[in-house]
Amino acid sequence: MYRYMALLLVPLAVMCHEGTHGKRFNSLVGPFIASVDRYYMCEPNNRPLPWRWHLRTTHFNPHKPKELQHLTGNITANETFDDSCWGRVILDAWSNNQWKENAFVFYFKNNGCKAFKENIPGLYDLVFKKTETKGTCKMKPGVYELNNAPINWTYPKVPIMPYGHFRFRLTIGRAENLFACLVVECYTVPKVE
């Protein structure tokens, strides 16, 4: 019996020399590329806040992930945002056809402007760096316009993230005063080398 088994296994091994035909396990977390889908405000009780944005972006092409998106629109500021302010970022994850709130929460009790500059350098450099004086982090009141400007959505302080669909809520203020509640719906996809 074993002799017949050997006669069957040798041709089978020769014919199937490539190994198993399976899929590799895709990671759920890792280095990522962020892309933005839409921008809006989350003002409480439809009360206008001092900071507002009206932005739109080009579509993200998953076949060309290294191609930057372009921003058009404006950010309007009626209060100064500096290091005496606080900032809070809340990321909600989209799962099972609903938002799972507070998936990630980042709170910066002070040095809000510096935290913004270090954590979202692409947006800071594009919009606010040209108004910077002597390296001081201060965003003055005004209208900051963007016209088809390329933006690099990198987050150097957050090197890995779960891949998926997120709602990024940014709130900034000073003491108990809320200056802005801004929302970005974004996606994270695996970074390609």
N, C-alpha and C. Protein backbone atom coordinates (compact mmCIF):
# COMPACT_ATOMS: atom_id res chain seq x y z
N MET A 1 0.82 -1.19 0.00
CA MET A 1 0.00 0.00 0.00
C MET A 1 0.86 1.26 0.00
N TYR A 2 1.90 1.28 0.82
CA TYR A 2 2.76 2.46 0.88
C TYR A 2 3.52 2.67 -0.42
N ARG A 3 3.78 1.57 -1.13
CA ARG A 3 4.47 1.67 -2.39
C ARG A 3 3.60 2.40 -3.43
N TYR A 4 2.31 2.12 -3.45
CA TYR A 4 1.39 2.80 -4.37
C TYR A 4 1.22 4.27 -4.00
N MET A 5 1.24 4.53 -2.69
CA MET A 5 1.13 5.91 -2.21
C MET A 5 2.33 6.73 -2.69
N ALA A 6 3.52 6.15 -2.63
CA ALA A 6 4.72 6.83 -3.09
C ALA A 6 4.65 7.10 -4.59
N LEU A 7 4.10 6.17 -5.32
CA LEU A 7 3.97 6.37 -6.76
C LEU A 7 3.00 7.51 -7.10
N LEU A 8 2.00 7.75 -6.27
CA LEU A 8 1.06 8.84 -6.49
C LEU A 8 1.62 10.19 -6.02
N LEU A 9 2.35 10.18 -4.91
CA LEU A 9 2.85 11.43 -4.35
C LEU A 9 3.96 12.06 -5.18
N VAL A 10 4.81 11.28 -5.79
CA VAL A 10 5.91 11.84 -6.58
C VAL A 10 5.38 12.64 -7.77
N PRO A 11 4.48 12.12 -8.61
CA PRO A 11 3.96 12.96 -9.71
C PRO A 11 3.17 14.17 -9.21
N LEU A 12 2.45 13.98 -8.09
CA LEU A 12 1.68 15.09 -7.53
C LEU A 12 2.61 16.20 -7.06
N ALA A 13 3.71 15.86 -6.43
CA ALA A 13 4.67 16.85 -5.97
C ALA A 13 5.34 17.57 -7.13
N VAL A 14 5.60 16.86 -8.21
CA VAL A 14 6.22 17.47 -9.38
C VAL A 14 5.26 18.43 -10.07
N MET A 15 3.98 18.09 -10.13
CA MET A 15 2.99 18.93 -10.80
C MET A 15 2.66 20.18 -9.99
N CYS A 16 2.68 20.11 -8.69
CA CYS A 16 2.29 21.23 -7.82
C CYS A 16 3.52 21.78 -7.10
N HIS A 17 4.49 22.25 -7.81
CA HIS A 17 5.72 22.71 -7.20
C HIS A 17 5.65 24.16 -6.69
N GLU A 18 4.56 24.87 -6.97
CA GLU A 18 4.47 26.27 -6.58
C GLU A 18 4.01 26.47 -5.14
N GLY A 19 3.55 25.47 -4.47
CA GLY A 19 3.08 25.62 -3.10
C GLY A 19 1.59 25.87 -3.04
N THR A 20 1.14 26.39 -1.93
CA THR A 20 -0.30 26.61 -1.77
C THR A 20 -0.73 27.86 -2.49
N HIS A 21 -1.95 27.84 -2.96
CA HIS A 21 -2.51 28.99 -3.65
C HIS A 21 -3.48 29.69 -2.70
N GLY A 22 -2.96 30.61 -1.94
CA GLY A 22 -3.80 31.33 -0.99
C GLY A 22 -3.51 32.81 -1.05
N LYS A 23 -4.29 33.56 -0.33
CA LYS A 23 -4.10 35.00 -0.27
C LYS A 23 -3.28 35.33 0.97
N ARG A 24 -2.50 36.39 0.84
CA ARG A 24 -1.76 36.81 2.01
C ARG A 24 -2.70 37.58 2.94
N PHE A 25 -2.38 37.62 4.20
CA PHE A 25 -3.20 38.32 5.18
C PHE A 25 -2.88 39.81 5.13
N ASN A 26 -3.85 40.62 4.80
CA ASN A 26 -3.64 42.06 4.75
C ASN A 26 -3.71 42.65 6.15
N SER A 27 -2.79 43.51 6.46
CA SER A 27 -2.75 44.15 7.76
C SER A 27 -3.88 45.17 7.86
N LEU A 28 -4.34 45.40 9.06
CA LEU A 28 -5.40 46.38 9.29
C LEU A 28 -4.85 47.71 9.78
N VAL A 29 -3.57 47.71 10.19
CA VAL A 29 -2.93 48.88 10.77
C VAL A 29 -1.53 49.00 10.19
N GLY A 30 -1.07 50.21 9.98
CA GLY A 30 0.29 50.39 9.51
C GLY A 30 0.54 51.78 8.99
N PRO A 31 1.68 51.98 8.32
CA PRO A 31 1.95 53.28 7.70
C PRO A 31 0.84 53.58 6.69
N PHE A 32 0.45 54.84 6.61
CA PHE A 32 -0.74 55.16 5.84
C PHE A 32 -0.57 56.41 4.99
N ILE A 33 -1.45 56.51 4.01
CA ILE A 33 -1.63 57.72 3.22
C ILE A 33 -3.05 58.19 3.54
N ALA A 34 -3.17 59.47 3.89
CA ALA A 34 -4.50 60.03 4.19
C ALA A 34 -5.00 60.78 2.96
N SER A 35 -6.28 60.65 2.72
CA SER A 35 -6.93 61.41 1.65
C SER A 35 -8.22 61.99 2.20
N VAL A 36 -8.54 63.20 1.77
CA VAL A 36 -9.70 63.90 2.29
C VAL A 36 -10.83 63.86 1.27
N ASP A 37 -12.03 63.63 1.78
CA ASP A 37 -13.21 63.53 0.92
C ASP A 37 -14.03 64.82 0.97
N ARG A 38 -14.30 65.34 2.18
CA ARG A 38 -15.10 66.56 2.28
C ARG A 38 -14.81 67.31 3.57
N TYR A 39 -15.16 68.60 3.55
CA TYR A 39 -14.93 69.51 4.67
C TYR A 39 -16.27 70.14 5.05
N TYR A 40 -16.49 70.30 6.36
CA TYR A 40 -17.67 71.05 6.81
C TYR A 40 -17.44 71.50 8.25
N MET A 41 -18.42 72.20 8.81
CA MET A 41 -18.30 72.72 10.17
C MET A 41 -19.30 72.02 11.09
N CYS A 42 -18.95 71.96 12.36
CA CYS A 42 -19.83 71.32 13.36
C CYS A 42 -20.19 72.33 14.44
N GLU A 43 -20.65 73.47 14.02
CA GLU A 43 -20.97 74.54 14.95
C GLU A 43 -22.16 74.17 15.83
N PRO A 44 -22.06 74.41 17.15
CA PRO A 44 -23.15 74.05 18.05
C PRO A 44 -24.38 74.91 17.84
N ASN A 45 -25.54 74.28 17.75
CA ASN A 45 -26.84 74.96 17.60
C ASN A 45 -26.83 75.98 16.46
N ASN A 46 -26.13 75.66 15.38
CA ASN A 46 -26.04 76.53 14.20
C ASN A 46 -25.60 77.95 14.55
N ARG A 47 -24.78 78.06 15.60
CA ARG A 47 -24.23 79.36 16.01
C ARG A 47 -22.89 79.55 15.31
N PRO A 48 -22.73 80.58 14.48
CA PRO A 48 -21.46 80.79 13.78
C PRO A 48 -20.33 81.04 14.77
N LEU A 49 -19.22 80.37 14.53
CA LEU A 49 -18.03 80.52 15.37
C LEU A 49 -17.03 81.43 14.66
N PRO A 50 -16.04 81.96 15.40
CA PRO A 50 -15.08 82.89 14.78
C PRO A 50 -14.23 82.29 13.67
N TRP A 51 -13.99 80.99 13.69
CA TRP A 51 -13.21 80.34 12.63
C TRP A 51 -14.14 79.48 11.78
N ARG A 52 -14.06 79.66 10.45
CA ARG A 52 -14.89 78.87 9.53
C ARG A 52 -14.03 78.51 8.33
N TRP A 53 -14.41 77.44 7.65
CA TRP A 53 -13.74 77.12 6.40
C TRP A 53 -14.74 76.69 5.35
N HIS A 54 -14.38 77.00 4.14
CA HIS A 54 -15.17 76.64 2.96
C HIS A 54 -14.16 76.10 1.94
N LEU A 55 -13.92 74.81 2.02
CA LEU A 55 -12.88 74.18 1.20
C LEU A 55 -13.46 73.03 0.39
N ARG A 56 -12.82 72.76 -0.71
CA ARG A 56 -13.11 71.56 -1.48
C ARG A 56 -11.76 71.04 -1.99
N THR A 57 -11.73 69.77 -2.29
CA THR A 57 -10.49 69.14 -2.68
C THR A 57 -10.69 68.28 -3.93
N THR A 58 -9.61 68.03 -4.62
CA THR A 58 -9.69 67.13 -5.77
C THR A 58 -9.85 65.70 -5.27
N HIS A 59 -10.30 64.84 -6.13
CA HIS A 59 -10.50 63.45 -5.75
C HIS A 59 -9.17 62.73 -5.60
N PHE A 60 -9.14 61.78 -4.71
CA PHE A 60 -7.96 60.94 -4.50
C PHE A 60 -8.01 59.78 -5.48
N ASN A 61 -6.92 59.56 -6.20
CA ASN A 61 -6.85 58.46 -7.16
C ASN A 61 -6.09 57.31 -6.51
N PRO A 62 -6.77 56.21 -6.15
CA PRO A 62 -6.07 55.09 -5.49
C PRO A 62 -5.04 54.42 -6.38
N HIS A 63 -5.12 54.61 -7.69
CA HIS A 63 -4.13 54.03 -8.61
C HIS A 63 -2.86 54.86 -8.67
N LYS A 64 -2.94 56.12 -8.19
CA LYS A 64 -1.76 56.99 -8.11
C LYS A 64 -1.70 57.58 -6.69
N PRO A 65 -1.40 56.74 -5.69
CA PRO A 65 -1.49 57.20 -4.31
C PRO A 65 -0.48 58.28 -3.91
N LYS A 66 0.60 58.43 -4.67
CA LYS A 66 1.59 59.46 -4.32
C LYS A 66 1.24 60.83 -4.90
N GLU A 67 0.20 60.89 -5.73
CA GLU A 67 -0.23 62.15 -6.32
C GLU A 67 -0.98 62.96 -5.26
N LEU A 68 -0.57 64.21 -5.05
CA LEU A 68 -1.17 65.05 -4.02
C LEU A 68 -2.54 65.56 -4.42
N GLN A 69 -3.40 65.73 -3.42
CA GLN A 69 -4.69 66.36 -3.66
C GLN A 69 -4.48 67.88 -3.71
N HIS A 70 -5.43 68.61 -4.30
CA HIS A 70 -5.35 70.06 -4.40
C HIS A 70 -6.54 70.69 -3.67
N LEU A 71 -6.26 71.76 -2.92
CA LEU A 71 -7.28 72.47 -2.14
C LEU A 71 -7.67 73.78 -2.81
N THR A 72 -8.96 74.08 -2.75
CA THR A 72 -9.48 75.36 -3.23
C THR A 72 -10.51 75.84 -2.22
N GLY A 73 -10.48 77.14 -1.91
CA GLY A 73 -11.45 77.71 -0.98
C GLY A 73 -10.79 78.69 -0.04
N ASN A 74 -11.39 78.86 1.15
CA ASN A 74 -10.81 79.79 2.11
C ASN A 74 -11.06 79.35 3.54
N ILE A 75 -10.20 79.85 4.41
CA ILE A 75 -10.35 79.71 5.86
C ILE A 75 -10.48 81.12 6.40
N THR A 76 -11.56 81.39 7.12
CA THR A 76 -11.81 82.72 7.66
C THR A 76 -11.64 82.68 9.17
N ALA A 77 -10.77 83.55 9.68
CA ALA A 77 -10.48 83.61 11.12
C ALA A 77 -10.81 84.99 11.65
N ASN A 78 -11.59 85.03 12.72
CA ASN A 78 -11.93 86.31 13.36
C ASN A 78 -11.34 86.42 14.76
N GLU A 79 -10.56 85.44 15.18
CA GLU A 79 -9.87 85.45 16.47
C GLU A 79 -8.44 84.96 16.24
N THR A 80 -7.50 85.45 17.03
CA THR A 80 -6.12 85.00 16.94
C THR A 80 -5.98 83.64 17.61
N PHE A 81 -5.30 82.73 16.92
CA PHE A 81 -5.02 81.40 17.45
C PHE A 81 -3.52 81.31 17.66
N ASP A 82 -3.11 81.16 18.93
CA ASP A 82 -1.68 81.09 19.25
C ASP A 82 -1.45 80.02 20.31
N ASP A 83 -0.28 80.06 20.95
CA ASP A 83 0.05 79.02 21.92
C ASP A 83 -0.67 79.17 23.26
N SER A 84 -1.46 80.22 23.43
CA SER A 84 -2.28 80.32 24.65
C SER A 84 -3.61 79.60 24.47
N CYS A 85 -3.83 79.02 23.30
CA CYS A 85 -5.08 78.33 23.00
C CYS A 85 -4.94 76.82 23.17
N TRP A 86 -6.06 76.15 23.25
CA TRP A 86 -6.09 74.69 23.33
C TRP A 86 -6.63 74.13 22.01
N GLY A 87 -6.42 72.86 21.83
CA GLY A 87 -6.94 72.19 20.65
C GLY A 87 -7.34 70.76 20.99
N ARG A 88 -8.33 70.25 20.29
CA ARG A 88 -8.79 68.88 20.51
C ARG A 88 -9.14 68.27 19.16
N VAL A 89 -8.66 67.05 18.95
CA VAL A 89 -8.98 66.30 17.73
C VAL A 89 -9.68 65.02 18.15
N ILE A 90 -10.84 64.78 17.60
CA ILE A 90 -11.60 63.56 17.86
C ILE A 90 -11.79 62.85 16.52
N LEU A 91 -11.33 61.61 16.45
CA LEU A 91 -11.50 60.80 15.25
C LEU A 91 -12.60 59.78 15.50
N ASP A 92 -13.63 59.83 14.68
CA ASP A 92 -14.70 58.83 14.72
C ASP A 92 -14.47 57.87 13.56
N ALA A 93 -14.66 56.59 13.80
CA ALA A 93 -14.44 55.57 12.77
C ALA A 93 -15.78 55.13 12.18
N TRP A 94 -15.82 54.92 10.87
CA TRP A 94 -17.02 54.44 10.18
C TRP A 94 -16.98 52.91 10.18
N SER A 95 -17.99 52.30 10.78
CA SER A 95 -18.06 50.85 10.85
C SER A 95 -19.51 50.42 10.95
N ASN A 96 -19.87 49.36 10.25
CA ASN A 96 -21.24 48.84 10.26
C ASN A 96 -22.28 49.92 9.96
N ASN A 97 -22.00 50.74 8.96
CA ASN A 97 -22.91 51.79 8.49
C ASN A 97 -23.26 52.84 9.52
N GLN A 98 -22.34 53.11 10.44
CA GLN A 98 -22.55 54.19 11.40
C GLN A 98 -21.21 54.66 11.94
N TRP A 99 -21.21 55.88 12.49
CA TRP A 99 -19.99 56.42 13.08
C TRP A 99 -19.81 55.86 14.49
N LYS A 100 -18.63 55.34 14.76
CA LYS A 100 -18.26 54.91 16.10
C LYS A 100 -17.47 56.08 16.69
N GLU A 101 -18.13 56.83 17.56
CA GLU A 101 -17.54 58.08 18.05
C GLU A 101 -16.38 57.84 19.00
N ASN A 102 -15.47 58.82 19.00
CA ASN A 102 -14.32 58.84 19.90
C ASN A 102 -13.40 57.64 19.75
N ALA A 103 -13.15 57.21 18.53
CA ALA A 103 -12.21 56.11 18.31
C ALA A 103 -10.81 56.53 18.76
N PHE A 104 -10.43 57.76 18.46
CA PHE A 104 -9.17 58.34 18.93
C PHE A 104 -9.45 59.75 19.40
N VAL A 105 -8.84 60.15 20.52
CA VAL A 105 -9.00 61.50 21.03
C VAL A 105 -7.62 62.05 21.36
N PHE A 106 -7.30 63.21 20.78
CA PHE A 106 -6.04 63.90 21.05
C PHE A 106 -6.40 65.25 21.65
N TYR A 107 -5.87 65.55 22.84
CA TYR A 107 -6.19 66.81 23.50
C TYR A 107 -4.90 67.55 23.81
N PHE A 108 -4.82 68.80 23.38
CA PHE A 108 -3.66 69.65 23.61
C PHE A 108 -4.12 70.79 24.51
N LYS A 109 -3.82 70.71 25.81
CA LYS A 109 -4.34 71.68 26.78
C LYS A 109 -3.78 73.08 26.58
N ASN A 110 -2.56 73.17 26.10
CA ASN A 110 -1.97 74.47 25.78
C ASN A 110 -1.03 74.28 24.59
N ASN A 111 -0.43 75.34 24.13
CA ASN A 111 0.41 75.29 22.93
C ASN A 111 -0.36 74.73 21.74
N GLY A 112 -1.60 75.15 21.59
CA GLY A 112 -2.45 74.65 20.51
C GLY A 112 -1.90 74.95 19.13
N CYS A 113 -1.33 76.14 18.94
CA CYS A 113 -0.79 76.50 17.64
C CYS A 113 0.43 75.64 17.32
N LYS A 114 1.30 75.45 18.30
CA LYS A 114 2.50 74.62 18.09
C LYS A 114 2.10 73.17 17.79
N ALA A 115 1.09 72.67 18.49
CA ALA A 115 0.61 71.30 18.25
C ALA A 115 0.05 71.18 16.83
N PHE A 116 -0.68 72.20 16.38
CA PHE A 116 -1.22 72.21 15.01
C PHE A 116 -0.08 72.19 14.00
N LYS A 117 0.92 73.02 14.24
CA LYS A 117 2.07 73.12 13.32
C LYS A 117 2.85 71.81 13.25
N GLU A 118 3.02 71.12 14.38
CA GLU A 118 3.80 69.88 14.42
C GLU A 118 3.02 68.66 13.93
N ASN A 119 1.71 68.65 14.13
CA ASN A 119 0.92 67.48 13.80
C ASN A 119 0.28 67.51 12.42
N ILE A 120 0.01 68.70 11.89
CA ILE A 120 -0.57 68.84 10.55
C ILE A 120 0.28 69.84 9.76
N PRO A 121 1.55 69.50 9.52
CA PRO A 121 2.45 70.48 8.89
C PRO A 121 2.06 70.83 7.46
N GLY A 122 1.44 69.93 6.72
CA GLY A 122 1.06 70.23 5.35
C GLY A 122 0.08 71.39 5.26
N LEU A 123 -0.95 71.37 6.09
CA LEU A 123 -1.95 72.44 6.09
C LEU A 123 -1.36 73.72 6.67
N TYR A 124 -0.58 73.61 7.74
CA TYR A 124 0.04 74.79 8.34
C TYR A 124 0.95 75.49 7.35
N ASP A 125 1.84 74.73 6.70
CA ASP A 125 2.78 75.34 5.75
C ASP A 125 2.06 75.99 4.57
N LEU A 126 1.02 75.35 4.11
CA LEU A 126 0.28 75.85 2.95
C LEU A 126 -0.47 77.14 3.25
N VAL A 127 -1.07 77.21 4.45
CA VAL A 127 -1.97 78.32 4.75
C VAL A 127 -1.34 79.39 5.64
N PHE A 128 -0.68 78.99 6.72
CA PHE A 128 -0.30 79.95 7.76
C PHE A 128 1.18 80.30 7.82
N LYS A 129 2.06 79.51 7.24
CA LYS A 129 3.50 79.76 7.37
C LYS A 129 3.90 81.11 6.80
N LYS A 130 3.27 81.54 5.72
CA LYS A 130 3.65 82.81 5.09
C LYS A 130 3.33 84.02 5.98
N THR A 131 2.45 83.86 6.98
CA THR A 131 2.14 84.96 7.88
C THR A 131 2.92 84.86 9.19
N GLU A 132 3.77 83.84 9.31
CA GLU A 132 4.55 83.62 10.53
C GLU A 132 5.61 84.72 10.67
N THR A 133 5.80 85.22 11.90
CA THR A 133 6.81 86.23 12.16
C THR A 133 7.83 85.70 13.15
N LYS A 134 9.08 85.66 12.74
CA LYS A 134 10.20 85.24 13.59
C LYS A 134 9.99 83.88 14.23
N GLY A 135 9.38 82.96 13.53
CA GLY A 135 9.19 81.62 14.07
C GLY A 135 8.12 81.50 15.14
N THR A 136 7.42 82.61 15.44
CA THR A 136 6.35 82.58 16.43
C THR A 136 5.11 81.95 15.82
N CYS A 137 4.51 81.02 16.53
CA CYS A 137 3.31 80.37 16.03
C CYS A 137 2.10 81.20 16.42
N LYS A 138 1.55 81.90 15.44
CA LYS A 138 0.40 82.76 15.69
C LYS A 138 -0.38 82.89 14.40
N MET A 139 -1.65 82.50 14.43
CA MET A 139 -2.53 82.62 13.27
C MET A 139 -3.44 83.82 13.51
N LYS A 140 -3.20 84.86 12.74
CA LYS A 140 -3.91 86.12 12.94
C LYS A 140 -5.26 86.11 12.24
N PRO A 141 -6.18 86.97 12.70
CA PRO A 141 -7.47 87.08 12.00
C PRO A 141 -7.27 87.49 10.54
N GLY A 142 -8.12 86.94 9.69
CA GLY A 142 -8.03 87.24 8.27
C GLY A 142 -8.69 86.16 7.44
N VAL A 143 -8.62 86.34 6.15
CA VAL A 143 -9.15 85.36 5.21
C VAL A 143 -7.95 84.76 4.48
N TYR A 144 -7.80 83.46 4.62
CA TYR A 144 -6.69 82.73 4.00
C TYR A 144 -7.25 81.97 2.81
N GLU A 145 -6.84 82.38 1.61
CA GLU A 145 -7.39 81.79 0.39
C GLU A 145 -6.43 80.76 -0.21
N LEU A 146 -7.02 79.73 -0.78
CA LEU A 146 -6.27 78.68 -1.47
C LEU A 146 -6.88 78.50 -2.85
N ASN A 147 -6.03 78.40 -3.85
CA ASN A 147 -6.52 78.22 -5.21
C ASN A 147 -5.76 77.07 -5.87
N ASN A 148 -6.35 75.89 -5.84
CA ASN A 148 -5.77 74.70 -6.46
C ASN A 148 -4.37 74.42 -5.92
N ALA A 149 -4.21 74.55 -4.61
CA ALA A 149 -2.90 74.36 -3.97
C ALA A 149 -2.69 72.90 -3.58
N PRO A 150 -1.55 72.31 -3.96
CA PRO A 150 -1.28 70.91 -3.60
C PRO A 150 -1.00 70.78 -2.10
N ILE A 151 -1.58 69.77 -1.49
CA ILE A 151 -1.40 69.58 -0.05
C ILE A 151 -0.94 68.15 0.25
N ASN A 152 0.01 68.06 1.14
CA ASN A 152 0.55 66.77 1.56
C ASN A 152 -0.05 66.44 2.93
N TRP A 153 -0.93 65.46 2.99
CA TRP A 153 -1.59 65.08 4.23
C TRP A 153 -0.72 64.06 4.97
N THR A 154 0.34 64.53 5.60
CA THR A 154 1.17 63.65 6.43
C THR A 154 1.06 64.09 7.87
N TYR A 155 1.19 63.14 8.76
CA TYR A 155 1.08 63.39 10.19
C TYR A 155 2.31 62.77 10.86
N PRO A 156 3.40 63.53 11.02
CA PRO A 156 4.65 62.96 11.51
C PRO A 156 4.57 62.39 12.93
N LYS A 157 3.68 62.90 13.76
CA LYS A 157 3.56 62.40 15.13
C LYS A 157 2.66 61.17 15.23
N VAL A 158 2.00 60.81 14.14
CA VAL A 158 1.13 59.63 14.10
C VAL A 158 1.59 58.77 12.92
N PRO A 159 2.62 57.92 13.12
CA PRO A 159 3.18 57.18 11.99
C PRO A 159 2.33 56.02 11.48
N ILE A 160 1.49 55.43 12.35
CA ILE A 160 0.64 54.33 11.91
C ILE A 160 -0.80 54.57 12.37
N MET A 161 -1.73 54.09 11.57
CA MET A 161 -3.16 54.21 11.88
C MET A 161 -3.89 53.00 11.31
N PRO A 162 -5.06 52.69 11.84
CA PRO A 162 -5.89 51.67 11.19
C PRO A 162 -6.35 52.22 9.83
N TYR A 163 -6.51 51.33 8.88
CA TYR A 163 -6.98 51.75 7.56
C TYR A 163 -8.51 51.80 7.59
N GLY A 164 -9.06 52.85 6.99
CA GLY A 164 -10.51 52.95 6.96
C GLY A 164 -10.99 54.36 6.69
N HIS A 165 -12.25 54.61 7.06
CA HIS A 165 -12.96 55.86 6.84
C HIS A 165 -13.12 56.53 8.20
N PHE A 166 -12.69 57.79 8.31
CA PHE A 166 -12.73 58.51 9.58
C PHE A 166 -13.38 59.87 9.42
N ARG A 167 -13.94 60.34 10.53
CA ARG A 167 -14.43 61.72 10.63
C ARG A 167 -13.50 62.40 11.63
N PHE A 168 -12.76 63.40 11.16
CA PHE A 168 -11.75 64.12 11.92
C PHE A 168 -12.38 65.42 12.38
N ARG A 169 -12.65 65.55 13.69
CA ARG A 169 -13.27 66.77 14.23
C ARG A 169 -12.22 67.56 15.00
N LEU A 170 -11.95 68.78 14.56
CA LEU A 170 -10.98 69.66 15.20
C LEU A 170 -11.72 70.79 15.89
N THR A 171 -11.50 70.93 17.20
CA THR A 171 -12.05 72.07 17.93
C THR A 171 -10.88 72.83 18.54
N ILE A 172 -10.96 74.15 18.45
CA ILE A 172 -9.93 75.01 19.03
C ILE A 172 -10.61 76.12 19.81
N GLY A 173 -9.89 76.66 20.80
CA GLY A 173 -10.43 77.75 21.59
C GLY A 173 -9.43 78.27 22.60
N ARG A 174 -9.88 79.20 23.41
CA ARG A 174 -9.06 79.76 24.49
C ARG A 174 -9.93 79.79 25.74
N ALA A 175 -9.40 79.23 26.82
CA ALA A 175 -10.15 79.09 28.08
C ALA A 175 -11.46 78.37 27.79
N GLU A 176 -12.61 78.99 28.12
CA GLU A 176 -13.89 78.33 27.85
C GLU A 176 -14.52 78.77 26.53
N ASN A 177 -13.83 79.63 25.78
CA ASN A 177 -14.36 80.13 24.50
C ASN A 177 -13.99 79.20 23.36
N LEU A 178 -14.99 78.76 22.63
CA LEU A 178 -14.78 77.90 21.47
C LEU A 178 -14.63 78.78 20.23
N PHE A 179 -13.51 78.61 19.50
CA PHE A 179 -13.26 79.40 18.29
C PHE A 179 -13.73 78.69 17.03
N ALA A 180 -13.56 77.35 17.00
CA ALA A 180 -13.87 76.63 15.77
C ALA A 180 -14.24 75.20 16.07
N CYS A 181 -15.10 74.66 15.23
CA CYS A 181 -15.41 73.24 15.21
C CYS A 181 -15.45 72.86 13.73
N LEU A 182 -14.36 72.24 13.28
CA LEU A 182 -14.16 71.95 11.86
C LEU A 182 -14.10 70.44 11.66
N VAL A 183 -14.69 69.96 10.58
CA VAL A 183 -14.77 68.52 10.33
C VAL A 183 -14.19 68.19 8.96
N VAL A 184 -13.46 67.07 8.93
CA VAL A 184 -12.93 66.52 7.68
C VAL A 184 -13.32 65.06 7.64
N GLU A 185 -13.91 64.62 6.56
CA GLU A 185 -14.12 63.18 6.36
C GLU A 185 -12.97 62.69 5.50
N CYS A 186 -12.26 61.69 6.01
CA CYS A 186 -11.05 61.25 5.33
C CYS A 186 -10.93 59.73 5.33
N TYR A 187 -10.00 59.26 4.53
CA TYR A 187 -9.71 57.83 4.42
C TYR A 187 -8.23 57.62 4.67
N THR A 188 -7.90 56.48 5.24
CA THR A 188 -6.50 56.07 5.34
C THR A 188 -6.34 54.77 4.58
N VAL A 189 -5.30 54.73 3.75
CA VAL A 189 -4.99 53.54 2.94
C VAL A 189 -3.53 53.19 3.18
N PRO A 190 -3.13 51.95 2.94
CA PRO A 190 -1.73 51.57 3.15
C PRO A 190 -0.78 52.40 2.27
N LYS A 191 0.32 52.80 2.88
CA LYS A 191 1.34 53.57 2.16
C LYS A 191 2.12 52.63 1.25
N VAL A 192 2.33 53.07 0.03
CA VAL A 192 3.12 52.28 -0.91
C VAL A 192 4.54 52.82 -0.92
N GLU A 193 5.48 51.94 -1.14
CA GLU A 193 6.89 52.35 -1.12
C GLU A 193 7.30 52.95 -2.43
